[in-house]
Amino acid sequence: MKKVAIVTAAVLALGLAACNKDNAANNAANETAVENAAATDVNVAGNDVTANADAALNAADNAVENAGNAVENAQNAVENK
């Protein structure tokens, strides 16, 4: 939703700038819109990387726990024979 609001604001800024005949203002509005969109993309990418790293760490933790359980089960099987 945040990205939609930023893109909407950028489009409105470009629309208002297009009404102006001041090329410097148009260029500034265009650059601001591009920078805002790039910042949003970087934030989203950073969030994705963090989520993926968390998921990988959780999977590794589960694998280690499962291996520990398998060793414990094997020990119990040896003791019960």
PDB file of N, CA and C in Angstrom:
ATOM      1  N   MET A   1       0.833  -1.180   0.000  1.00  0.00           N
ATOM      2  CA  MET A   1       0.000   0.000   0.000  1.00  0.00           C
ATOM      3  C   MET A   1       0.881   1.247   0.000  1.00  0.00           C
ATOM      4  N   LYS A   2       1.983   1.180   0.741  1.00  0.00           N
ATOM      5  CA  LYS A   2       2.895   2.316   0.828  1.00  0.00           C
ATOM      6  C   LYS A   2       3.487   2.626  -0.546  1.00  0.00           C
ATOM      7  N   LYS A   3       3.810   1.557  -1.292  1.00  0.00           N
ATOM      8  CA  LYS A   3       4.397   1.743  -2.619  1.00  0.00           C
ATOM      9  C   LYS A   3       3.395   2.404  -3.560  1.00  0.00           C
ATOM     10  N   VAL A   4       2.132   2.012  -3.440  1.00  0.00           N
ATOM     11  CA  VAL A   4       1.083   2.596  -4.283  1.00  0.00           C
ATOM     12  C   VAL A   4       0.959   4.086  -3.990  1.00  0.00           C
ATOM     13  N   ALA A   5       1.018   4.447  -2.717  1.00  0.00           N
ATOM     14  CA  ALA A   5       0.903   5.859  -2.345  1.00  0.00           C
ATOM     15  C   ALA A   5       2.077   6.660  -2.893  1.00  0.00           C
ATOM     16  N   ILE A   6       3.270   6.090  -2.839  1.00  0.00           N
ATOM     17  CA  ILE A   6       4.454   6.795  -3.341  1.00  0.00           C
ATOM     18  C   ILE A   6       4.366   6.966  -4.853  1.00  0.00           C
ATOM     19  N   VAL A   7       3.960   5.896  -5.541  1.00  0.00           N
ATOM     20  CA  VAL A   7       3.840   5.978  -7.003  1.00  0.00           C
ATOM     21  C   VAL A   7       2.756   6.978  -7.383  1.00  0.00           C
ATOM     22  N   THR A   8       1.645   6.965  -6.647  1.00  0.00           N
ATOM     23  CA  THR A   8       0.552   7.915  -6.920  1.00  0.00           C
ATOM     24  C   THR A   8       1.045   9.349  -6.736  1.00  0.00           C
ATOM     25  N   ALA A   9       1.784   9.586  -5.648  1.00  0.00           N
ATOM     26  CA  ALA A   9       2.316  10.929  -5.413  1.00  0.00           C
ATOM     27  C   ALA A   9       3.281  11.335  -6.520  1.00  0.00           C
ATOM     28  N   ALA A  10       4.082  10.388  -6.973  1.00  0.00           N
ATOM     29  CA  ALA A  10       5.032  10.682  -8.044  1.00  0.00           C
ATOM     30  C   ALA A  10       4.293  11.036  -9.335  1.00  0.00           C
ATOM     31  N   VAL A  11       3.244  10.287  -9.644  1.00  0.00           N
ATOM     32  CA  VAL A  11       2.466  10.549 -10.863  1.00  0.00           C
ATOM     33  C   VAL A  11       1.804  11.922 -10.776  1.00  0.00           C
ATOM     34  N   LEU A  12       1.248  12.238  -9.602  1.00  0.00           N
ATOM     35  CA  LEU A  12       0.630  13.557  -9.438  1.00  0.00           C
ATOM     36  C   LEU A  12       1.662  14.673  -9.572  1.00  0.00           C
ATOM     37  N   ALA A  13       2.844  14.456  -9.003  1.00  0.00           N
ATOM     38  CA  ALA A  13       3.900  15.461  -9.118  1.00  0.00           C
ATOM     39  C   ALA A  13       4.302  15.652 -10.577  1.00  0.00           C
ATOM     40  N   LEU A  14       4.386  14.558 -11.312  1.00  0.00           N
ATOM     41  CA  LEU A  14       4.733  14.657 -12.739  1.00  0.00           C
ATOM     42  C   LEU A  14       3.629  15.370 -13.512  1.00  0.00           C
ATOM     43  N   GLY A  15       2.373  15.091 -13.157  1.00  0.00           N
ATOM     44  CA  GLY A  15       1.250  15.748 -13.828  1.00  0.00           C
ATOM     45  C   GLY A  15       1.255  17.242 -13.589  1.00  0.00           C
ATOM     46  N   LEU A  16       1.498  17.641 -12.354  1.00  0.00           N
ATOM     47  CA  LEU A  16       1.575  19.070 -12.050  1.00  0.00           C
ATOM     48  C   LEU A  16       2.784  19.710 -12.722  1.00  0.00           C
ATOM     49  N   ALA A  17       3.880  18.997 -12.750  1.00  0.00           N
ATOM     50  CA  ALA A  17       5.085  19.535 -13.373  1.00  0.00           C
ATOM     51  C   ALA A  17       4.888  19.700 -14.883  1.00  0.00           C
ATOM     52  N   ALA A  18       4.097  18.820 -15.474  1.00  0.00           N
ATOM     53  CA  ALA A  18       3.863  18.897 -16.919  1.00  0.00           C
ATOM     54  C   ALA A  18       3.092  20.166 -17.280  1.00  0.00           C
ATOM     55  N   CYS A  19       2.299  20.675 -16.370  1.00  0.00           N
ATOM     56  CA  CYS A  19       1.563  21.913 -16.620  1.00  0.00           C
ATOM     57  C   CYS A  19       2.492  23.123 -16.611  1.00  0.00           C
ATOM     58  N   ASN A  20       3.588  22.982 -15.953  1.00  0.00           N
ATOM     59  CA  ASN A  20       4.575  24.055 -15.864  1.00  0.00           C
ATOM     60  C   ASN A  20       5.436  24.084 -17.119  1.00  0.00           C
ATOM     61  N   LYS A  21       5.852  25.248 -17.510  1.00  0.00           N
ATOM     62  CA  LYS A  21       6.763  25.345 -18.652  1.00  0.00           C
ATOM     63  C   LYS A  21       8.209  25.448 -18.177  1.00  0.00           C
ATOM     64  N   ASP A  22       8.410  25.360 -16.882  1.00  0.00           N
ATOM     65  CA  ASP A  22       9.739  25.466 -16.294  1.00  0.00           C
ATOM     66  C   ASP A  22      10.418  24.099 -16.366  1.00  0.00           C
ATOM     67  N   ASN A  23      11.360  23.941 -17.299  1.00  0.00           N
ATOM     68  CA  ASN A  23      12.030  22.650 -17.489  1.00  0.00           C
ATOM     69  C   ASN A  23      12.816  22.225 -16.257  1.00  0.00           C
ATOM     70  N   ALA A  24      13.381  23.165 -15.527  1.00  0.00           N
ATOM     71  CA  ALA A  24      14.130  22.822 -14.316  1.00  0.00           C
ATOM     72  C   ALA A  24      13.203  22.170 -13.294  1.00  0.00           C
ATOM     73  N   ALA A  25      12.008  22.711 -13.149  1.00  0.00           N
ATOM     74  CA  ALA A  25      11.038  22.134 -12.206  1.00  0.00           C
ATOM     75  C   ALA A  25      10.585  20.762 -12.678  1.00  0.00           C
ATOM     76  N   ASN A  26      10.367  20.617 -13.993  1.00  0.00           N
ATOM     77  CA  ASN A  26       9.979  19.313 -14.545  1.00  0.00           C
ATOM     78  C   ASN A  26      11.067  18.278 -14.302  1.00  0.00           C
ATOM     79  N   ASN A  27      12.306  18.653 -14.537  1.00  0.00           N
ATOM     80  CA  ASN A  27      13.420  17.726 -14.330  1.00  0.00           C
ATOM     81  C   ASN A  27      13.541  17.349 -12.860  1.00  0.00           C
ATOM     82  N   ALA A  28      13.370  18.311 -11.971  1.00  0.00           N
ATOM     83  CA  ALA A  28      13.459  18.030 -10.536  1.00  0.00           C
ATOM     84  C   ALA A  28      12.348  17.075 -10.115  1.00  0.00           C
ATOM     85  N   ALA A  29      11.141  17.287 -10.618  1.00  0.00           N
ATOM     86  CA  ALA A  29      10.021  16.399 -10.283  1.00  0.00           C
ATOM     87  C   ALA A  29      10.279  14.994 -10.801  1.00  0.00           C
ATOM     88  N   ASN A  30      10.805  14.896 -12.022  1.00  0.00           N
ATOM     89  CA  ASN A  30      11.109  13.581 -12.594  1.00  0.00           C
ATOM     90  C   ASN A  30      12.179  12.867 -11.771  1.00  0.00           C
ATOM     91  N   GLU A  31      13.211  13.587 -11.399  1.00  0.00           N
ATOM     92  CA  GLU A  31      14.290  12.980 -10.620  1.00  0.00           C
ATOM     93  C   GLU A  31      13.803  12.556  -9.251  1.00  0.00           C
ATOM     94  N   THR A  32      12.957  13.364  -8.642  1.00  0.00           N
ATOM     95  CA  THR A  32      12.404  13.013  -7.332  1.00  0.00           C
ATOM     96  C   THR A  32      11.554  11.754  -7.422  1.00  0.00           C
ATOM     97  N   ALA A  33      10.735  11.673  -8.457  1.00  0.00           N
ATOM     98  CA  ALA A  33       9.886  10.486  -8.636  1.00  0.00           C
ATOM     99  C   ALA A  33      10.736   9.234  -8.834  1.00  0.00           C
ATOM    100  N   VAL A  34      11.775   9.348  -9.631  1.00  0.00           N
ATOM    101  CA  VAL A  34      12.664   8.203  -9.880  1.00  0.00           C
ATOM    102  C   VAL A  34      13.371   7.797  -8.591  1.00  0.00           C
ATOM    103  N   GLU A  35      13.864   8.786  -7.838  1.00  0.00           N
ATOM    104  CA  GLU A  35      14.565   8.478  -6.582  1.00  0.00           C
ATOM    105  C   GLU A  35      13.620   7.838  -5.572  1.00  0.00           C
ATOM    106  N   ASN A  36      12.394   8.329  -5.483  1.00  0.00           N
ATOM    107  CA  ASN A  36      11.430   7.740  -4.547  1.00  0.00           C
ATOM    108  C   ASN A  36      11.105   6.297  -4.927  1.00  0.00           C
ATOM    109  N   ALA A  37      10.913   6.065  -6.207  1.00  0.00           N
ATOM    110  CA  ALA A  37      10.616   4.699  -6.657  1.00  0.00           C
ATOM    111  C   ALA A  37      11.807   3.779  -6.398  1.00  0.00           C
ATOM    112  N   ALA A  38      13.010   4.268  -6.637  1.00  0.00           N
ATOM    113  CA  ALA A  38      14.209   3.453  -6.389  1.00  0.00           C
ATOM    114  C   ALA A  38      14.360   3.149  -4.908  1.00  0.00           C
ATOM    115  N   ALA A  39      14.108   4.123  -4.064  1.00  0.00           N
ATOM    116  CA  ALA A  39      14.204   3.906  -2.613  1.00  0.00           C
ATOM    117  C   ALA A  39      13.188   2.868  -2.156  1.00  0.00           C
ATOM    118  N   THR A  40      11.993   2.940  -2.713  1.00  0.00           N
ATOM    119  CA  THR A  40      10.959   1.958  -2.368  1.00  0.00           C
ATOM    120  C   THR A  40      11.382   0.565  -2.802  1.00  0.00           C
ATOM    121  N   ASP A  41      11.920   0.442  -4.008  1.00  0.00           N
ATOM    122  CA  ASP A  41      12.375  -0.859  -4.503  1.00  0.00           C
ATOM    123  C   ASP A  41      13.481  -1.425  -3.628  1.00  0.00           C
ATOM    124  N   VAL A  42      14.402  -0.580  -3.200  1.00  0.00           N
ATOM    125  CA  VAL A  42      15.498  -1.037  -2.336  1.00  0.00           C
ATOM    126  C   VAL A  42      14.946  -1.508  -0.998  1.00  0.00           C
ATOM    127  N   ASN A  43      13.987  -0.771  -0.440  1.00  0.00           N
ATOM    128  CA  ASN A  43      13.387  -1.189   0.834  1.00  0.00           C
ATOM    129  C   ASN A  43      12.683  -2.530   0.708  1.00  0.00           C
ATOM    130  N   VAL A  44      11.936  -2.713  -0.362  1.00  0.00           N
ATOM    131  CA  VAL A  44      11.223  -3.970  -0.577  1.00  0.00           C
ATOM    132  C   VAL A  44      12.215  -5.108  -0.756  1.00  0.00           C
ATOM    133  N   ALA A  45      13.270  -4.869  -1.519  1.00  0.00           N
ATOM    134  CA  ALA A  45      14.286  -5.904  -1.726  1.00  0.00           C
ATOM    135  C   ALA A  45      14.960  -6.265  -0.414  1.00  0.00           C
ATOM    136  N   GLY A  46      15.233  -5.267   0.397  1.00  0.00           N
ATOM    137  CA  GLY A  46      15.852  -5.532   1.701  1.00  0.00           C
ATOM    138  C   GLY A  46      14.953  -6.367   2.596  1.00  0.00           C
ATOM    139  N   ASN A  47      13.660  -6.059   2.569  1.00  0.00           N
ATOM    140  CA  ASN A  47      12.707  -6.835   3.366  1.00  0.00           C
ATOM    141  C   ASN A  47      12.633  -8.276   2.881  1.00  0.00           C
ATOM    142  N   ASP A  48      12.664  -8.473   1.556  1.00  0.00           N
ATOM    143  CA  ASP A  48      12.626  -9.825   0.994  1.00  0.00           C
ATOM    144  C   ASP A  48      13.863 -10.619   1.407  1.00  0.00           C
ATOM    145  N   VAL A  49      15.015  -9.986   1.362  1.00  0.00           N
ATOM    146  CA  VAL A  49      16.260 -10.658   1.742  1.00  0.00           C
ATOM    147  C   VAL A  49      16.201 -11.080   3.200  1.00  0.00           C
ATOM    148  N   THR A  50      15.715 -10.193   4.055  1.00  0.00           N
ATOM    149  CA  THR A  50      15.616 -10.504   5.483  1.00  0.00           C
ATOM    150  C   THR A  50      14.660 -11.663   5.720  1.00  0.00           C
ATOM    151  N   ALA A  51      13.516 -11.637   5.065  1.00  0.00           N
ATOM    152  CA  ALA A  51      12.540 -12.718   5.230  1.00  0.00           C
ATOM    153  C   ALA A  51      13.105 -14.045   4.747  1.00  0.00           C
ATOM    154  N   ASN A  52      13.804 -14.027   3.616  1.00  0.00           N
ATOM    155  CA  ASN A  52      14.392 -15.261   3.086  1.00  0.00           C
ATOM    156  C   ASN A  52      15.497 -15.789   3.991  1.00  0.00           C
ATOM    157  N   ALA A  53      16.298 -14.892   4.546  1.00  0.00           N
ATOM    158  CA  ALA A  53      17.356 -15.317   5.462  1.00  0.00           C
ATOM    159  C   ALA A  53      16.749 -15.921   6.728  1.00  0.00           C
ATOM    160  N   ASP A  54      15.704 -15.305   7.240  1.00  0.00           N
ATOM    161  CA  ASP A  54      15.026 -15.850   8.424  1.00  0.00           C
ATOM    162  C   ASP A  54      14.473 -17.238   8.142  1.00  0.00           C
ATOM    163  N   ALA A  55      13.862 -17.407   6.988  1.00  0.00           N
ATOM    164  CA  ALA A  55      13.297 -18.710   6.628  1.00  0.00           C
ATOM    165  C   ALA A  55      14.400 -19.768   6.510  1.00  0.00           C
ATOM    166  N   ALA A  56      15.530 -19.390   5.915  1.00  0.00           N
ATOM    167  CA  ALA A  56      16.642 -20.335   5.777  1.00  0.00           C
ATOM    168  C   ALA A  56      17.214 -20.715   7.137  1.00  0.00           C
ATOM    169  N   LEU A  57      17.342 -19.737   8.026  1.00  0.00           N
ATOM    170  CA  LEU A  57      17.841 -20.035   9.377  1.00  0.00           C
ATOM    171  C   LEU A  57      16.871 -20.936  10.136  1.00  0.00           C
ATOM    172  N   ASN A  58      15.582 -20.678   9.993  1.00  0.00           N
ATOM    173  CA  ASN A  58      14.594 -21.542  10.644  1.00  0.00           C
ATOM    174  C   ASN A  58      14.650 -22.962  10.111  1.00  0.00           C
ATOM    175  N   ALA A  59      14.814 -23.102   8.810  1.00  0.00           N
ATOM    176  CA  ALA A  59      14.913 -24.437   8.211  1.00  0.00           C
ATOM    177  C   ALA A  59      16.164 -25.164   8.706  1.00  0.00           C
ATOM    178  N   ALA A  60      17.283 -24.439   8.793  1.00  0.00           N
ATOM    179  CA  ALA A  60      18.520 -25.048   9.296  1.00  0.00           C
ATOM    180  C   ALA A  60      18.367 -25.460  10.756  1.00  0.00           C
ATOM    181  N   ASP A  61      17.728 -24.608  11.539  1.00  0.00           N
ATOM    182  CA  ASP A  61      17.486 -24.923  12.957  1.00  0.00           C
ATOM    183  C   ASP A  61      16.634 -26.180  13.083  1.00  0.00           C
ATOM    184  N   ASN A  62      15.598 -26.274  12.257  1.00  0.00           N
ATOM    185  CA  ASN A  62      14.741 -27.461  12.286  1.00  0.00           C
ATOM    186  C   ASN A  62      15.511 -28.714  11.879  1.00  0.00           C
ATOM    187  N   ALA A  63      16.375 -28.592  10.892  1.00  0.00           N
ATOM    188  CA  ALA A  63      17.162 -29.745  10.442  1.00  0.00           C
ATOM    189  C   ALA A  63      18.104 -30.222  11.546  1.00  0.00           C
ATOM    190  N   VAL A  64      18.733 -29.287  12.234  1.00  0.00           N
ATOM    191  CA  VAL A  64      19.637 -29.652  13.332  1.00  0.00           C
ATOM    192  C   VAL A  64      18.849 -30.323  14.458  1.00  0.00           C
ATOM    193  N   GLU A  65      17.684 -29.763  14.774  1.00  0.00           N
ATOM    194  CA  GLU A  65      16.852 -30.356  15.824  1.00  0.00           C
ATOM    195  C   GLU A  65      16.397 -31.761  15.443  1.00  0.00           C
ATOM    196  N   ASN A  66      16.027 -31.949  14.179  1.00  0.00           N
ATOM    197  CA  ASN A  66      15.608 -33.273  13.709  1.00  0.00           C
ATOM    198  C   ASN A  66      16.762 -34.267  13.778  1.00  0.00           C
ATOM    199  N   ALA A  67      17.954 -33.822  13.432  1.00  0.00           N
ATOM    200  CA  ALA A  67      19.115 -34.708  13.505  1.00  0.00           C
ATOM    201  C   ALA A  67      19.386 -35.101  14.953  1.00  0.00           C
ATOM    202  N   GLY A  68      19.269 -34.140  15.860  1.00  0.00           N
ATOM    203  CA  GLY A  68      19.452 -34.441  17.287  1.00  0.00           C
ATOM    204  C   GLY A  68      18.428 -35.442  17.778  1.00  0.00           C
ATOM    205  N   ASN A  69      17.197 -35.303  17.339  1.00  0.00           N
ATOM    206  CA  ASN A  69      16.144 -36.246  17.718  1.00  0.00           C
ATOM    207  C   ASN A  69      16.429 -37.641  17.167  1.00  0.00           C
ATOM    208  N   ALA A  70      16.949 -37.700  15.945  1.00  0.00           N
ATOM    209  CA  ALA A  70      17.274 -38.994  15.349  1.00  0.00           C
ATOM    210  C   ALA A  70      18.380 -39.690  16.139  1.00  0.00           C
ATOM    211  N   VAL A  71      19.376 -38.938  16.573  1.00  0.00           N
ATOM    212  CA  VAL A  71      20.464 -39.516  17.371  1.00  0.00           C
ATOM    213  C   VAL A  71      19.916 -40.020  18.703  1.00  0.00           C
ATOM    214  N   GLU A  72      19.069 -39.216  19.314  1.00  0.00           N
ATOM    215  CA  GLU A  72      18.480 -39.620  20.598  1.00  0.00           C
ATOM    216  C   GLU A  72      17.632 -40.879  20.443  1.00  0.00           C
ATOM    217  N   ASN A  73      16.862 -40.936  19.367  1.00  0.00           N
ATOM    218  CA  ASN A  73      16.051 -42.126  19.112  1.00  0.00           C
ATOM    219  C   ASN A  73      16.919 -43.357  18.890  1.00  0.00           C
ATOM    220  N   ALA A  74      18.024 -43.174  18.191  1.00  0.00           N
ATOM    221  CA  ALA A  74      18.930 -44.299  17.950  1.00  0.00           C
ATOM    222  C   ALA A  74      19.552 -44.777  19.267  1.00  0.00           C
ATOM    223  N   GLN A  75      19.906 -43.862  20.137  1.00  0.00           N
ATOM    224  CA  GLN A  75      20.455 -44.229  21.440  1.00  0.00           C
ATOM    225  C   GLN A  75      19.429 -45.006  22.254  1.00  0.00           C
ATOM    226  N   ASN A  76      18.195 -44.524  22.230  1.00  0.00           N
ATOM    227  CA  ASN A  76      17.145 -45.226  22.966  1.00  0.00           C
ATOM    228  C   ASN A  76      16.908 -46.619  22.410  1.00  0.00           C
ATOM    229  N   ALA A  77      16.984 -46.768  21.098  1.00  0.00           N
ATOM    230  CA  ALA A  77      16.802 -48.077  20.491  1.00  0.00           C
ATOM    231  C   ALA A  77      17.904 -49.033  20.918  1.00  0.00           C
ATOM    232  N   VAL A  78      19.133 -48.555  21.005  1.00  0.00           N
ATOM    233  CA  VAL A  78      20.260 -49.392  21.424  1.00  0.00           C
ATOM    234  C   VAL A  78      20.083 -49.803  22.884  1.00  0.00           C
ATOM    235  N   GLU A  79      19.647 -48.877  23.710  1.00  0.00           N
ATOM    236  CA  GLU A  79      19.460 -49.174  25.133  1.00  0.00           C
ATOM    237  C   GLU A  79      18.334 -50.173  25.369  1.00  0.00           C
ATOM    238  N   ASN A  80      17.319 -50.164  24.529  1.00  0.00           N
ATOM    239  CA  ASN A  80      16.165 -51.033  24.709  1.00  0.00           C
ATOM    240  C   ASN A  80      16.385 -52.441  24.159  1.00  0.00           C
ATOM    241  N   LYS A  81      17.454 -52.711  23.488  1.00  0.00           N
ATOM    242  CA  LYS A  81      17.689 -54.039  22.910  1.00  0.00           C
ATOM    243  C   LYS A  81      18.358 -54.939  23.890  1.00  0.00           C
TER     244      LYS A  81
END
